[in-house]
Amino acid sequence: MDRRRPLTPGPAPASRGGAAGTGRAPGASPSRRAPAAAEITPANSNTRVTLGRPQSAPARRPESPAPAARPSNSNTRIETTRPPASAGPVRPPARPAENLGLNSERMRAALVDRLRANGIDDERVLASILVVPRHHFVDEALASRAYEDAALPIGHGQTISQPWIVARMIAAVRHGRELGKVLEVGTGCGYQAAVLAGVAREVYSIERVRPLHELARGRLRAMRLPHVRLVFGDGMLGLPSAAPFDAIVVAAAGLKIPDALLQQLAPGGRLVAPEGGTRQRLVMIERKGAHNWVRTELEPVRFVPLRPGVLL
């Protein structure tokens, strides 16, 4: 369902200090046993990655497979119908990322085929996803799941977005155009910034959580992408020093789109972001003139919440 209506933002808010994200995850269990991989669950109000606590038992159990960030509460779309999950064999232990790399090209191609089959038809975006090694952006324990079309936890209450969502948002802001300058709000692990680098001449990405900013910096440095610039700061304020932007992609959901971001959108530019609280929807806003914005509502989604300030 698409709804289009004019949108007139108020004046941009004054600067308050630091990018999109959530609060820190609760601490790990004090048990001597290694904590399970982070999981997002409805019991945590669909906002944070929590550490699973092992159940006490008289006998040792085999390790369970790493849990996924579930579509109901992570950076992913919400599907109205879903076939029941079929029982299958227990997953083998995750392979080291360097071993996965031997087969990652074939796995990326299979991922691109799935995205194309699910409605992504921007071949430029798909070509960028094809060349970006997603397993470099997740923890080694989850590397064997890197090419599933699913969100995965990256720590600090954040997730690496579902590949379909990454492709959908970038294709929506691109709309077949050549992109010059793009702003990403919520760098996370850096994966989406790397995909944006394949379709834009300049990419600015801002992150509010210092450890994630440093993590993304290291991973993107290894890819040698000189036209990607990472910034530690408050994504709700945007990046006025680099504005205006041809496109803005927001990777966290606020109750409304920050006016500062609308003001930094170039005429003819597009912004795509999730919006809402308990119920969220992907929205696209296109700037038609100096004081004229048009809003279009897209799919229902579930993202981590957009928050102000920075976390050191």
C-alpha atoms as a PDB file:
ATOM      1  CA  MET A   1       0.000   0.000   0.000  1.00  0.00           C
ATOM      2  CA  ASP A   2       1.440   3.332  -1.062  1.00  0.00           C
ATOM      3  CA  ARG A   3       0.155   6.638   0.296  1.00  0.00           C
ATOM      4  CA  ARG A   4       1.487   9.911  -1.032  1.00  0.00           C
ATOM      5  CA  ARG A   5       0.942  13.236   0.664  1.00  0.00           C
ATOM      6  CA  PRO A   6       2.841  16.507   0.990  1.00  0.00           C
ATOM      7  CA  LEU A   7       5.123  16.754   4.001  1.00  0.00           C
ATOM      8  CA  THR A   8       6.301  20.030   5.502  1.00  0.00           C
ATOM      9  CA  PRO A   9       8.908  19.662   8.245  1.00  0.00           C
ATOM     10  CA  GLY A  10       9.563  22.177  10.984  1.00  0.00           C
ATOM     11  CA  PRO A  11      12.916  23.866  11.414  1.00  0.00           C
ATOM     12  CA  ALA A  12      15.887  21.592  12.033  1.00  0.00           C
ATOM     13  CA  PRO A  13      16.518  20.906  15.745  1.00  0.00           C
ATOM     14  CA  ALA A  14      19.554  22.334  17.429  1.00  0.00           C
ATOM     15  CA  SER A  15      22.545  20.042  17.859  1.00  0.00           C
ATOM     16  CA  ARG A  16      22.386  17.824  20.947  1.00  0.00           C
ATOM     17  CA  GLY A  17      25.430  15.755  20.834  1.00  0.00           C
ATOM     18  CA  GLY A  18      25.874  12.339  18.792  1.00  0.00           C
ATOM     19  CA  ALA A  19      23.783   8.181  15.164  1.00  0.00           C
ATOM     20  CA  ALA A  20      21.103   5.788  15.052  1.00  0.00           C
ATOM     21  CA  GLY A  21      21.132   2.794  17.326  1.00  0.00           C
ATOM     22  CA  THR A  22      19.992   1.367  20.594  1.00  0.00           C
ATOM     23  CA  GLY A  23      21.232   1.198  24.148  1.00  0.00           C
ATOM     24  CA  ARG A  24      23.804  -1.335  25.213  1.00  0.00           C
ATOM     25  CA  ALA A  25      22.906  -4.977  25.569  1.00  0.00           C
ATOM     26  CA  PRO A  26      22.612  -6.443  29.061  1.00  0.00           C
ATOM     27  CA  GLY A  27      25.795  -8.025  30.366  1.00  0.00           C
ATOM     28  CA  ALA A  28      26.680 -11.632  29.804  1.00  0.00           C
ATOM     29  CA  SER A  29      25.737 -14.302  32.315  1.00  0.00           C
ATOM     30  CA  PRO A  30      28.305 -14.822  35.069  1.00  0.00           C
ATOM     31  CA  SER A  31      28.205 -18.569  34.382  1.00  0.00           C
ATOM     32  CA  ARG A  32      31.540 -20.113  33.401  1.00  0.00           C
ATOM     33  CA  ARG A  33      30.003 -21.511  30.307  1.00  0.00           C
ATOM     34  CA  ALA A  34      30.458 -19.323  27.196  1.00  0.00           C
ATOM     35  CA  PRO A  35      27.335 -17.190  26.546  1.00  0.00           C
ATOM     36  CA  ALA A  36      25.140 -18.056  23.601  1.00  0.00           C
ATOM     37  CA  ALA A  37      25.080 -15.754  20.562  1.00  0.00           C
ATOM     38  CA  ALA A  38      23.011 -12.603  20.999  1.00  0.00           C
ATOM     39  CA  GLU A  39      19.323 -12.926  20.193  1.00  0.00           C
ATOM     40  CA  ILE A  40      16.513 -10.455  19.738  1.00  0.00           C
ATOM     41  CA  THR A  41      13.297 -11.693  21.323  1.00  0.00           C
ATOM     42  CA  PRO A  42       9.784 -10.286  21.798  1.00  0.00           C
ATOM     43  CA  ALA A  43      10.336 -10.514  25.547  1.00  0.00           C
ATOM     44  CA  ASN A  44      12.832  -7.676  25.252  1.00  0.00           C
ATOM     45  CA  SER A  45      10.260  -5.285  23.745  1.00  0.00           C
ATOM     46  CA  ASN A  46      11.711  -5.936  20.298  1.00  0.00           C
ATOM     47  CA  THR A  47      14.452  -3.397  20.836  1.00  0.00           C
ATOM     48  CA  ARG A  48      17.577  -5.042  22.175  1.00  0.00           C
ATOM     49  CA  VAL A  49      19.854  -7.968  21.566  1.00  0.00           C
ATOM     50  CA  THR A  50      20.076  -9.968  24.762  1.00  0.00           C
ATOM     51  CA  LEU A  51      22.442 -12.717  25.789  1.00  0.00           C
ATOM     52  CA  GLY A  52      20.718 -16.092  26.158  1.00  0.00           C
ATOM     53  CA  ARG A  53      21.322 -17.840  29.502  1.00  0.00           C
ATOM     54  CA  PRO A  54      22.068 -21.581  29.377  1.00  0.00           C
ATOM     55  CA  GLN A  55      19.538 -23.817  31.103  1.00  0.00           C
ATOM     56  CA  SER A  56      20.882 -25.776  34.086  1.00  0.00           C
ATOM     57  CA  ALA A  57      20.872 -29.540  33.513  1.00  0.00           C
ATOM     58  CA  PRO A  58      22.387 -32.599  35.149  1.00  0.00           C
ATOM     59  CA  ALA A  59      24.250 -33.558  31.985  1.00  0.00           C
ATOM     60  CA  ARG A  60      26.166 -31.525  29.430  1.00  0.00           C
ATOM     61  CA  ARG A  61      24.318 -30.674  26.273  1.00  0.00           C
ATOM     62  CA  PRO A  62      25.727 -30.202  22.767  1.00  0.00           C
ATOM     63  CA  GLU A  63      26.063 -26.581  21.692  1.00  0.00           C
ATOM     64  CA  SER A  64      22.948 -25.167  20.073  1.00  0.00           C
ATOM     65  CA  PRO A  65      23.210 -23.360  16.724  1.00  0.00           C
ATOM     66  CA  ALA A  66      23.609 -19.590  16.949  1.00  0.00           C
ATOM     67  CA  PRO A  67      20.157 -17.960  17.124  1.00  0.00           C
ATOM     68  CA  ALA A  68      19.046 -15.601  14.391  1.00  0.00           C
ATOM     69  CA  ALA A  69      17.804 -12.073  14.767  1.00  0.00           C
ATOM     70  CA  ARG A  70      14.123 -12.790  14.198  1.00  0.00           C
ATOM     71  CA  PRO A  71      12.055 -11.024  11.508  1.00  0.00           C
ATOM     72  CA  SER A  72       9.544  -9.915  14.127  1.00  0.00           C
ATOM     73  CA  ASN A  73      12.015  -7.684  15.904  1.00  0.00           C
ATOM     74  CA  SER A  74      15.118  -6.910  13.841  1.00  0.00           C
ATOM     75  CA  ASN A  75      16.165  -4.971  10.746  1.00  0.00           C
ATOM     76  CA  THR A  76      13.973  -6.921   8.364  1.00  0.00           C
ATOM     77  CA  ARG A  77      10.674  -6.834   6.568  1.00  0.00           C
ATOM     78  CA  ILE A  78       7.511  -8.350   8.021  1.00  0.00           C
ATOM     79  CA  GLU A  79       5.867 -10.981   5.849  1.00  0.00           C
ATOM     80  CA  THR A  80       2.140 -11.474   6.272  1.00  0.00           C
ATOM     81  CA  THR A  81       2.286 -15.147   5.323  1.00  0.00           C
ATOM     82  CA  ARG A  82       5.081 -17.574   6.006  1.00  0.00           C
ATOM     83  CA  PRO A  83       5.163 -21.362   5.487  1.00  0.00           C
ATOM     84  CA  PRO A  84       5.822 -23.375   8.653  1.00  0.00           C
ATOM     85  CA  ALA A  85       9.483 -24.115   9.248  1.00  0.00           C
ATOM     86  CA  SER A  86      10.348 -27.694   8.391  1.00  0.00           C
ATOM     87  CA  ALA A  87      12.447 -29.785  10.706  1.00  0.00           C
ATOM     88  CA  GLY A  88      15.968 -30.340   9.500  1.00  0.00           C
ATOM     89  CA  PRO A  89      19.356 -31.579  10.588  1.00  0.00           C
ATOM     90  CA  VAL A  90      21.277 -29.814  13.311  1.00  0.00           C
ATOM     91  CA  ARG A  91      23.597 -27.159  11.867  1.00  0.00           C
ATOM     92  CA  PRO A  92      27.289 -28.000  11.865  1.00  0.00           C
ATOM     93  CA  PRO A  93      29.637 -25.721  13.787  1.00  0.00           C
ATOM     94  CA  ALA A  94      30.292 -22.410  12.046  1.00  0.00           C
ATOM     95  CA  ARG A  95      33.224 -22.484   9.665  1.00  0.00           C
ATOM     96  CA  PRO A  96      35.948 -19.890  10.080  1.00  0.00           C
ATOM     97  CA  ALA A  97      35.401 -16.824   7.912  1.00  0.00           C
ATOM     98  CA  GLU A  98      38.581 -17.446   5.924  1.00  0.00           C
ATOM     99  CA  ASN A  99      37.385 -20.932   4.939  1.00  0.00           C
ATOM    100  CA  LEU A 100      33.946 -19.609   4.056  1.00  0.00           C
ATOM    101  CA  GLY A 101      35.604 -17.178   1.667  1.00  0.00           C
ATOM    102  CA  LEU A 102      36.523 -20.077  -0.640  1.00  0.00           C
ATOM    103  CA  ASN A 103      32.827 -20.566  -1.446  1.00  0.00           C
ATOM    104  CA  SER A 104      31.476 -17.082  -0.731  1.00  0.00           C
ATOM    105  CA  GLU A 105      31.262 -16.047  -4.383  1.00  0.00           C
ATOM    106  CA  ARG A 106      28.891 -18.915  -5.130  1.00  0.00           C
ATOM    107  CA  MET A 107      26.913 -18.182  -1.950  1.00  0.00           C
ATOM    108  CA  ARG A 108      26.647 -14.482  -2.812  1.00  0.00           C
ATOM    109  CA  ALA A 109      25.354 -15.415  -6.265  1.00  0.00           C
ATOM    110  CA  ALA A 110      22.694 -17.619  -4.670  1.00  0.00           C
ATOM    111  CA  LEU A 111      21.724 -14.759  -2.343  1.00  0.00           C
ATOM    112  CA  VAL A 112      21.378 -12.379  -5.293  1.00  0.00           C
ATOM    113  CA  ASP A 113      19.165 -14.930  -7.077  1.00  0.00           C
ATOM    114  CA  ARG A 114      16.911 -15.086  -4.002  1.00  0.00           C
ATOM    115  CA  LEU A 115      16.686 -11.297  -3.805  1.00  0.00           C
ATOM    116  CA  ARG A 116      15.820 -11.085  -7.486  1.00  0.00           C
ATOM    117  CA  ALA A 117      13.135 -13.742  -7.035  1.00  0.00           C
ATOM    118  CA  ASN A 118      11.716 -11.688  -4.130  1.00  0.00           C
ATOM    119  CA  GLY A 119      11.200  -8.569  -6.208  1.00  0.00           C
ATOM    120  CA  ILE A 120      14.529  -6.715  -6.178  1.00  0.00           C
ATOM    121  CA  ASP A 121      15.052  -5.679  -9.803  1.00  0.00           C
ATOM    122  CA  ASP A 122      17.726  -2.961  -9.602  1.00  0.00           C
ATOM    123  CA  GLU A 123      20.629  -4.739 -11.269  1.00  0.00           C
ATOM    124  CA  ARG A 124      23.135  -2.115 -10.113  1.00  0.00           C
ATOM    125  CA  VAL A 125      22.212  -2.794  -6.482  1.00  0.00           C
ATOM    126  CA  LEU A 126      22.284  -6.548  -7.015  1.00  0.00           C
ATOM    127  CA  ALA A 127      25.716  -6.272  -8.653  1.00  0.00           C
ATOM    128  CA  SER A 128      27.026  -4.436  -5.590  1.00  0.00           C
ATOM    129  CA  ILE A 129      25.627  -7.079  -3.228  1.00  0.00           C
ATOM    130  CA  LEU A 130      27.250  -9.728  -5.398  1.00  0.00           C
ATOM    131  CA  VAL A 131      30.756  -8.361  -4.790  1.00  0.00           C
ATOM    132  CA  VAL A 132      30.514  -7.419  -1.088  1.00  0.00           C
ATOM    133  CA  PRO A 133      31.621 -10.312   1.195  1.00  0.00           C
ATOM    134  CA  ARG A 134      28.934 -10.199   3.900  1.00  0.00           C
ATOM    135  CA  HIS A 135      30.772 -12.781   6.020  1.00  0.00           C
ATOM    136  CA  HIS A 136      33.506 -10.184   6.654  1.00  0.00           C
ATOM    137  CA  PHE A 137      30.955  -8.058   8.522  1.00  0.00           C
ATOM    138  CA  VAL A 138      29.638 -10.624  11.011  1.00  0.00           C
ATOM    139  CA  ASP A 139      31.198 -12.436  13.933  1.00  0.00           C
ATOM    140  CA  GLU A 140      33.165 -15.530  12.974  1.00  0.00           C
ATOM    141  CA  ALA A 141      30.707 -17.722  14.907  1.00  0.00           C
ATOM    142  CA  LEU A 142      27.934 -16.561  12.542  1.00  0.00           C
ATOM    143  CA  ALA A 143      29.983 -16.538   9.318  1.00  0.00           C
ATOM    144  CA  SER A 144      28.361 -19.733   8.013  1.00  0.00           C
ATOM    145  CA  ARG A 145      24.989 -17.911   8.114  1.00  0.00           C
ATOM    146  CA  ALA A 146      26.185 -14.724   6.456  1.00  0.00           C
ATOM    147  CA  TYR A 147      24.450 -15.414   3.148  1.00  0.00           C
ATOM    148  CA  GLU A 148      21.058 -16.251   4.561  1.00  0.00           C
ATOM    149  CA  ASP A 149      18.466 -13.578   3.848  1.00  0.00           C
ATOM    150  CA  ALA A 150      18.219 -12.784   7.544  1.00  0.00           C
ATOM    151  CA  ALA A 151      19.262 -10.164  10.073  1.00  0.00           C
ATOM    152  CA  LEU A 152      22.048 -11.257  12.438  1.00  0.00           C
ATOM    153  CA  PRO A 153      23.215  -9.788  15.774  1.00  0.00           C
ATOM    154  CA  ILE A 154      26.416  -7.728  15.778  1.00  0.00           C
ATOM    155  CA  GLY A 155      26.456  -6.723  19.452  1.00  0.00           C
ATOM    156  CA  HIS A 156      25.542  -3.544  21.351  1.00  0.00           C
ATOM    157  CA  GLY A 157      21.839  -4.180  20.741  1.00  0.00           C
ATOM    158  CA  GLN A 158      22.279  -3.888  16.966  1.00  0.00           C
ATOM    159  CA  THR A 159      21.873  -6.138  13.954  1.00  0.00           C
ATOM    160  CA  ILE A 160      23.240  -6.370  10.438  1.00  0.00           C
ATOM    161  CA  SER A 161      20.129  -5.790   8.356  1.00  0.00           C
ATOM    162  CA  GLN A 162      18.429  -8.475   6.309  1.00  0.00           C
ATOM    163  CA  PRO A 163      19.919  -8.380   2.764  1.00  0.00           C
ATOM    164  CA  TRP A 164      16.452  -7.901   1.247  1.00  0.00           C
ATOM    165  CA  ILE A 165      15.986  -4.773   3.349  1.00  0.00           C
ATOM    166  CA  VAL A 166      19.410  -3.425   2.352  1.00  0.00           C
ATOM    167  CA  ALA A 167      18.626  -3.975  -1.330  1.00  0.00           C
ATOM    168  CA  ARG A 168      15.082  -2.599  -1.048  1.00  0.00           C
ATOM    169  CA  MET A 169      16.111   0.619   0.683  1.00  0.00           C
ATOM    170  CA  ILE A 170      19.021   1.348  -1.642  1.00  0.00           C
ATOM    171  CA  ALA A 171      16.974   0.554  -4.751  1.00  0.00           C
ATOM    172  CA  ALA A 172      14.200   2.876  -3.508  1.00  0.00           C
ATOM    173  CA  VAL A 173      16.497   5.865  -2.988  1.00  0.00           C
ATOM    174  CA  ARG A 174      18.371   5.188  -6.227  1.00  0.00           C
ATOM    175  CA  HIS A 175      15.262   4.838  -8.414  1.00  0.00           C
ATOM    176  CA  GLY A 176      17.437   4.144 -11.440  1.00  0.00           C
ATOM    177  CA  ARG A 177      19.501   7.322 -10.940  1.00  0.00           C
ATOM    178  CA  GLU A 178      23.216   7.796 -10.657  1.00  0.00           C
ATOM    179  CA  LEU A 179      23.836   8.804  -7.044  1.00  0.00           C
ATOM    180  CA  GLY A 180      26.405  11.412  -6.116  1.00  0.00           C
ATOM    181  CA  LYS A 181      26.508  12.013  -2.363  1.00  0.00           C
ATOM    182  CA  VAL A 182      24.699   9.644   0.012  1.00  0.00           C
ATOM    183  CA  LEU A 183      24.242   9.684   3.797  1.00  0.00           C
ATOM    184  CA  GLU A 184      23.677   6.518   5.824  1.00  0.00           C
ATOM    185  CA  VAL A 185      22.379   6.938   9.375  1.00  0.00           C
ATOM    186  CA  GLY A 186      23.447   3.953  11.470  1.00  0.00           C
ATOM    187  CA  THR A 187      26.699   2.443  10.184  1.00  0.00           C
ATOM    188  CA  GLY A 188      26.435  -0.661  12.345  1.00  0.00           C
ATOM    189  CA  CYS A 189      29.027  -3.161  11.134  1.00  0.00           C
ATOM    190  CA  GLY A 190      29.585  -1.315   7.829  1.00  0.00           C
ATOM    191  CA  TYR A 191      27.916  -3.782   5.429  1.00  0.00           C
ATOM    192  CA  GLN A 192      25.285  -1.430   4.032  1.00  0.00           C
ATOM    193  CA  ALA A 193      27.895   1.306   3.579  1.00  0.00           C
ATOM    194  CA  ALA A 194      29.961  -1.132   1.501  1.00  0.00           C
ATOM    195  CA  VAL A 195      26.941  -1.914  -0.690  1.00  0.00           C
ATOM    196  CA  LEU A 196      26.191   1.812  -1.062  1.00  0.00           C
ATOM    197  CA  ALA A 197      29.785   2.314  -2.184  1.00  0.00           C
ATOM    198  CA  GLY A 198      28.965   0.273  -5.283  1.00  0.00           C
ATOM    199  CA  VAL A 199      26.178   2.617  -6.395  1.00  0.00           C
ATOM    200  CA  ALA A 200      27.281   6.100  -5.231  1.00  0.00           C
ATOM    201  CA  ARG A 201      30.279   8.391  -5.837  1.00  0.00           C
ATOM    202  CA  GLU A 202      30.480   9.491  -2.169  1.00  0.00           C
ATOM    203  CA  VAL A 203      29.151   7.728   0.926  1.00  0.00           C
ATOM    204  CA  TYR A 204      28.999   9.307   4.386  1.00  0.00           C
ATOM    205  CA  SER A 205      27.951   6.998   7.217  1.00  0.00           C
ATOM    206  CA  ILE A 206      27.332   8.098  10.793  1.00  0.00           C
ATOM    207  CA  GLU A 207      27.206   5.855  13.888  1.00  0.00           C
ATOM    208  CA  ARG A 208      26.376   6.771  17.502  1.00  0.00           C
ATOM    209  CA  VAL A 209      27.935   3.708  19.220  1.00  0.00           C
ATOM    210  CA  ARG A 210      31.710   4.149  19.445  1.00  0.00           C
ATOM    211  CA  PRO A 211      32.666   0.412  19.437  1.00  0.00           C
ATOM    212  CA  LEU A 212      30.547  -0.199  16.322  1.00  0.00           C
ATOM    213  CA  HIS A 213      32.067   2.847  14.624  1.00  0.00           C
ATOM    214  CA  GLU A 214      35.551   1.457  15.262  1.00  0.00           C
ATOM    215  CA  LEU A 215      34.512  -2.033  14.166  1.00  0.00           C
ATOM    216  CA  ALA A 216      33.121  -0.747  10.865  1.00  0.00           C
ATOM    217  CA  ARG A 217      36.197   1.404  10.317  1.00  0.00           C
ATOM    218  CA  GLY A 218      38.476  -1.627  10.524  1.00  0.00           C
ATOM    219  CA  ARG A 219      36.332  -3.788   8.270  1.00  0.00           C
ATOM    220  CA  LEU A 220      35.853  -1.124   5.601  1.00  0.00           C
ATOM    221  CA  ARG A 221      39.536  -0.170   5.675  1.00  0.00           C
ATOM    222  CA  ALA A 222      40.364  -3.709   4.571  1.00  0.00           C
ATOM    223  CA  MET A 223      38.111  -3.228   1.530  1.00  0.00           C
ATOM    224  CA  ARG A 224      39.942  -0.061   0.440  1.00  0.00           C
ATOM    225  CA  LEU A 225      36.948   2.143  -0.291  1.00  0.00           C
ATOM    226  CA  PRO A 226      38.353   5.702  -0.305  1.00  0.00           C
ATOM    227  CA  HIS A 227      34.980   7.260  -1.173  1.00  0.00           C
ATOM    228  CA  VAL A 228      33.373   5.959   2.052  1.00  0.00           C
ATOM    229  CA  ARG A 229      33.726   8.313   5.036  1.00  0.00           C
ATOM    230  CA  LEU A 230      32.725   7.188   8.520  1.00  0.00           C
ATOM    231  CA  VAL A 231      31.641   9.648  11.200  1.00  0.00           C
ATOM    232  CA  PHE A 232      31.068   9.095  14.916  1.00  0.00           C
ATOM    233  CA  GLY A 233      28.136  11.234  16.025  1.00  0.00           C
ATOM    234  CA  ASP A 234      24.389  11.683  16.422  1.00  0.00           C
ATOM    235  CA  GLY A 235      22.665  10.499  13.261  1.00  0.00           C
ATOM    236  CA  MET A 236      19.425  12.281  14.153  1.00  0.00           C
ATOM    237  CA  LEU A 237      21.268  15.536  13.443  1.00  0.00           C
ATOM    238  CA  GLY A 238      22.532  14.333  10.090  1.00  0.00           C
ATOM    239  CA  LEU A 239      25.772  15.773   8.741  1.00  0.00           C
ATOM    240  CA  PRO A 240      25.211  19.445   7.817  1.00  0.00           C
ATOM    241  CA  SER A 241      28.857  19.982   6.869  1.00  0.00           C
ATOM    242  CA  ALA A 242      28.527  17.519   3.978  1.00  0.00           C
ATOM    243  CA  ALA A 243      24.920  18.287   2.941  1.00  0.00           C
ATOM    244  CA  PRO A 244      22.977  18.327   0.683  1.00  0.00           C
ATOM    245  CA  PHE A 245      22.623  14.625  -0.110  1.00  0.00           C
ATOM    246  CA  ASP A 246      21.127  12.959  -3.169  1.00  0.00           C
ATOM    247  CA  ALA A 247      19.933  10.126  -0.950  1.00  0.00           C
ATOM    248  CA  ILE A 248      19.639   9.374   2.771  1.00  0.00           C
ATOM    249  CA  VAL A 249      19.177   5.844   4.146  1.00  0.00           C
ATOM    250  CA  VAL A 250      18.222   5.489   7.819  1.00  0.00           C
ATOM    251  CA  ALA A 251      18.830   2.109   9.470  1.00  0.00           C
ATOM    252  CA  ALA A 252      16.771   2.629  12.647  1.00  0.00           C
ATOM    253  CA  ALA A 253      13.138   3.535  13.336  1.00  0.00           C
ATOM    254  CA  GLY A 254      11.999   6.795  14.923  1.00  0.00           C
ATOM    255  CA  LEU A 255       8.457   7.874  15.709  1.00  0.00           C
ATOM    256  CA  LYS A 256       8.951  10.482  12.986  1.00  0.00           C
ATOM    257  CA  ILE A 257      11.632  11.365  10.466  1.00  0.00           C
ATOM    258  CA  PRO A 258      13.966  13.978  12.015  1.00  0.00           C
ATOM    259  CA  ASP A 259      13.484  17.385  10.418  1.00  0.00           C
ATOM    260  CA  ALA A 260      17.259  17.857  10.254  1.00  0.00           C
ATOM    261  CA  LEU A 261      17.495  14.969   7.791  1.00  0.00           C
ATOM    262  CA  LEU A 262      14.708  16.331   5.604  1.00  0.00           C
ATOM    263  CA  GLN A 263      16.448  19.705   5.425  1.00  0.00           C
ATOM    264  CA  GLN A 264      19.713  18.043   4.317  1.00  0.00           C
ATOM    265  CA  LEU A 265      18.061  16.254   1.391  1.00  0.00           C
ATOM    266  CA  ALA A 266      18.889  17.821  -1.987  1.00  0.00           C
ATOM    267  CA  PRO A 267      15.989  18.873  -4.273  1.00  0.00           C
ATOM    268  CA  GLY A 268      15.024  15.757  -6.196  1.00  0.00           C
ATOM    269  CA  GLY A 269      16.671  13.594  -3.531  1.00  0.00           C
ATOM    270  CA  ARG A 270      15.055  10.691  -1.701  1.00  0.00           C
ATOM    271  CA  LEU A 271      15.133   9.533   1.918  1.00  0.00           C
ATOM    272  CA  VAL A 272      14.113   6.006   2.960  1.00  0.00           C
ATOM    273  CA  ALA A 273      13.632   5.123   6.622  1.00  0.00           C
ATOM    274  CA  PRO A 274      11.544   2.924   8.911  1.00  0.00           C
ATOM    275  CA  GLU A 275       9.052   4.870  11.012  1.00  0.00           C
ATOM    276  CA  GLY A 276       6.935   3.965  14.013  1.00  0.00           C
ATOM    277  CA  GLY A 277       7.069   2.345  17.418  1.00  0.00           C
ATOM    278  CA  THR A 278       5.398  -1.018  18.025  1.00  0.00           C
ATOM    279  CA  ARG A 279       4.200  -1.025  14.429  1.00  0.00           C
ATOM    280  CA  GLN A 280       6.668   0.199  11.862  1.00  0.00           C
ATOM    281  CA  ARG A 281       6.533   0.882   8.149  1.00  0.00           C
ATOM    282  CA  LEU A 282       9.209   1.739   5.630  1.00  0.00           C
ATOM    283  CA  VAL A 283       8.590   5.228   4.243  1.00  0.00           C
ATOM    284  CA  MET A 284      10.128   7.140   1.358  1.00  0.00           C
ATOM    285  CA  ILE A 285      10.264  10.930   1.275  1.00  0.00           C
ATOM    286  CA  GLU A 286      11.162  12.777  -1.918  1.00  0.00           C
ATOM    287  CA  ARG A 287      12.098  16.446  -1.884  1.00  0.00           C
ATOM    288  CA  LYS A 288      10.267  18.214  -4.713  1.00  0.00           C
ATOM    289  CA  GLY A 289      11.394  21.752  -3.946  1.00  0.00           C
ATOM    290  CA  ALA A 290      12.781  24.099  -1.328  1.00  0.00           C
ATOM    291  CA  HIS A 291       9.672  23.694   0.862  1.00  0.00           C
ATOM    292  CA  ASN A 292       7.946  20.680  -0.645  1.00  0.00           C
ATOM    293  CA  TRP A 293       8.359  17.022   0.368  1.00  0.00           C
ATOM    294  CA  VAL A 294       6.204  14.073  -0.734  1.00  0.00           C
ATOM    295  CA  ARG A 295       5.831  10.985   1.430  1.00  0.00           C
ATOM    296  CA  THR A 296       5.148   7.419   0.217  1.00  0.00           C
ATOM    297  CA  GLU A 297       4.495   4.504   2.561  1.00  0.00           C
ATOM    298  CA  LEU A 298       6.068   1.161   1.670  1.00  0.00           C
ATOM    299  CA  GLU A 299       6.262  -2.228   3.440  1.00  0.00           C
ATOM    300  CA  PRO A 300       5.771  -3.031   7.131  1.00  0.00           C
ATOM    301  CA  VAL A 301       9.154  -3.679   8.769  1.00  0.00           C
ATOM    302  CA  ARG A 302      10.813  -4.111  12.168  1.00  0.00           C
ATOM    303  CA  PHE A 303      13.962  -2.128  13.032  1.00  0.00           C
ATOM    304  CA  VAL A 304      15.896  -1.241  16.142  1.00  0.00           C
ATOM    305  CA  PRO A 305      14.868   2.185  17.507  1.00  0.00           C
ATOM    306  CA  LEU A 306      16.424   5.482  16.458  1.00  0.00           C
ATOM    307  CA  ARG A 307      17.955   7.270  19.449  1.00  0.00           C
ATOM    308  CA  PRO A 308      19.705  10.620  19.992  1.00  0.00           C
ATOM    309  CA  GLY A 309      23.143  11.207  21.437  1.00  0.00           C
ATOM    310  CA  VAL A 310      26.221   9.022  21.403  1.00  0.00           C
ATOM    311  CA  LEU A 311      27.465   6.013  23.384  1.00  0.00           C
ATOM    312  CA  LEU A 312      31.161   5.742  24.185  1.00  0.00           C
END
